[in-house]
Amino acid sequence: DLVFNNPHFYDYFFAASPIREVSSLNIGSRPAARKTITEIGGLRAI
């Protein structure tokens, strides 16, 4: 409920976490050639 039904969670998540910085690091074994994430449902877990 908190993640998917709160319209402000997406903005909070990107403001409170270093996800933008971490996503720009070259640390994965596969290329991160994914489209821009515009909603919580587009985030992927490891």
N, C-alpha and C. Protein backbone atom coordinates (compact mmCIF):
# COMPACT_ATOMS: atom_id res chain seq x y z
N ASP A 1 0.82 -1.20 0.00
CA ASP A 1 0.00 0.00 0.00
C ASP A 1 0.86 1.26 0.00
N LEU A 2 1.85 1.31 0.86
CA LEU A 2 2.67 2.51 0.97
C LEU A 2 3.40 2.81 -0.34
N VAL A 3 3.92 1.79 -0.98
CA VAL A 3 4.70 2.01 -2.20
C VAL A 3 3.82 2.29 -3.40
N PHE A 4 2.83 1.48 -3.64
CA PHE A 4 2.05 1.60 -4.87
C PHE A 4 0.87 2.56 -4.78
N ASN A 5 0.33 2.79 -3.60
CA ASN A 5 -0.86 3.62 -3.49
C ASN A 5 -0.60 5.03 -2.96
N ASN A 6 0.64 5.37 -2.72
CA ASN A 6 0.99 6.71 -2.27
C ASN A 6 1.57 7.48 -3.45
N PRO A 7 0.89 8.50 -3.95
CA PRO A 7 1.37 9.22 -5.12
C PRO A 7 2.68 9.98 -4.89
N HIS A 8 3.09 10.16 -3.64
CA HIS A 8 4.31 10.90 -3.34
C HIS A 8 5.51 9.99 -3.10
N PHE A 9 5.31 8.69 -3.06
CA PHE A 9 6.40 7.78 -2.73
C PHE A 9 7.51 7.81 -3.77
N TYR A 10 7.17 7.88 -5.04
CA TYR A 10 8.17 7.91 -6.12
C TYR A 10 9.13 9.08 -5.92
N ASP A 11 8.59 10.27 -5.71
CA ASP A 11 9.43 11.45 -5.51
C ASP A 11 10.27 11.32 -4.24
N TYR A 12 9.67 10.80 -3.18
CA TYR A 12 10.40 10.59 -1.93
C TYR A 12 11.55 9.61 -2.14
N PHE A 13 11.29 8.50 -2.81
CA PHE A 13 12.31 7.48 -3.03
C PHE A 13 13.52 8.05 -3.74
N PHE A 14 13.30 8.81 -4.81
CA PHE A 14 14.41 9.36 -5.57
C PHE A 14 15.11 10.50 -4.83
N ALA A 15 14.42 11.19 -3.95
CA ALA A 15 15.04 12.26 -3.16
C ALA A 15 15.82 11.71 -1.97
N ALA A 16 15.36 10.60 -1.39
CA ALA A 16 15.95 10.08 -0.16
C ALA A 16 17.00 9.00 -0.38
N SER A 17 17.13 8.50 -1.59
CA SER A 17 18.09 7.43 -1.83
C SER A 17 19.10 7.86 -2.90
N PRO A 18 20.25 7.19 -2.95
CA PRO A 18 21.26 7.53 -3.96
C PRO A 18 21.05 6.76 -5.27
N ILE A 19 19.82 6.43 -5.60
CA ILE A 19 19.55 5.57 -6.76
C ILE A 19 20.09 6.16 -8.06
N ARG A 20 20.01 7.46 -8.24
CA ARG A 20 20.52 8.08 -9.47
C ARG A 20 22.04 7.92 -9.56
N GLU A 21 22.73 8.13 -8.46
CA GLU A 21 24.18 8.00 -8.45
C GLU A 21 24.60 6.55 -8.64
N VAL A 22 23.95 5.65 -7.94
CA VAL A 22 24.29 4.23 -8.05
C VAL A 22 24.02 3.71 -9.46
N SER A 23 22.94 4.16 -10.07
CA SER A 23 22.61 3.67 -11.40
C SER A 23 23.60 4.13 -12.46
N SER A 24 24.38 5.17 -12.18
CA SER A 24 25.36 5.64 -13.16
C SER A 24 26.71 4.94 -13.00
N LEU A 25 26.88 4.14 -11.95
CA LEU A 25 28.13 3.42 -11.75
C LEU A 25 28.22 2.22 -12.69
N ASN A 26 29.41 1.92 -13.13
CA ASN A 26 29.62 0.78 -14.02
C ASN A 26 30.03 -0.42 -13.17
N ILE A 27 29.07 -1.02 -12.47
CA ILE A 27 29.40 -2.11 -11.54
C ILE A 27 28.68 -3.41 -11.86
N GLY A 28 27.88 -3.44 -12.89
CA GLY A 28 27.11 -4.64 -13.20
C GLY A 28 27.78 -5.52 -14.22
N SER A 29 27.35 -6.76 -14.29
CA SER A 29 27.90 -7.68 -15.28
C SER A 29 27.15 -7.60 -16.60
N ARG A 30 26.01 -6.92 -16.58
CA ARG A 30 25.22 -6.75 -17.80
C ARG A 30 25.01 -5.26 -18.04
N PRO A 31 24.86 -4.88 -19.28
CA PRO A 31 24.61 -3.46 -19.56
C PRO A 31 23.26 -3.01 -19.02
N ALA A 32 23.22 -1.81 -18.53
CA ALA A 32 21.97 -1.26 -17.98
C ALA A 32 21.24 -0.47 -19.06
N ALA A 33 20.98 -1.11 -20.16
CA ALA A 33 20.30 -0.46 -21.27
C ALA A 33 18.80 -0.61 -21.11
N ARG A 34 18.27 0.12 -20.15
CA ARG A 34 16.84 0.08 -19.90
C ARG A 34 16.27 1.46 -20.12
N LYS A 35 14.99 1.51 -20.40
CA LYS A 35 14.34 2.80 -20.59
C LYS A 35 14.26 3.55 -19.27
N THR A 36 14.00 4.83 -19.35
CA THR A 36 13.89 5.67 -18.16
C THR A 36 12.74 5.21 -17.29
N ILE A 37 12.98 5.11 -16.01
CA ILE A 37 11.96 4.69 -15.05
C ILE A 37 11.12 5.90 -14.66
N THR A 38 9.81 5.76 -14.81
CA THR A 38 8.93 6.88 -14.47
C THR A 38 7.88 6.48 -13.43
N GLU A 39 7.97 5.27 -12.93
CA GLU A 39 7.03 4.84 -11.89
C GLU A 39 7.67 3.74 -11.06
N ILE A 40 7.16 3.52 -9.88
CA ILE A 40 7.72 2.53 -8.96
C ILE A 40 7.70 1.13 -9.57
N GLY A 41 6.69 0.79 -10.32
CA GLY A 41 6.59 -0.52 -10.93
C GLY A 41 7.72 -0.82 -11.90
N GLY A 42 8.42 0.21 -12.37
CA GLY A 42 9.52 0.02 -13.30
C GLY A 42 10.85 -0.28 -12.63
N LEU A 43 10.93 -0.14 -11.32
CA LEU A 43 12.16 -0.44 -10.61
C LEU A 43 12.38 -1.95 -10.57
N ARG A 44 13.64 -2.36 -10.65
CA ARG A 44 13.95 -3.78 -10.61
C ARG A 44 14.80 -4.09 -9.39
N ALA A 45 14.54 -5.21 -8.79
CA ALA A 45 15.31 -5.65 -7.63
C ALA A 45 16.47 -6.52 -8.09
N ILE A 46 17.47 -6.59 -7.26
CA ILE A 46 18.62 -7.45 -7.57
C ILE A 46 18.46 -8.74 -6.80
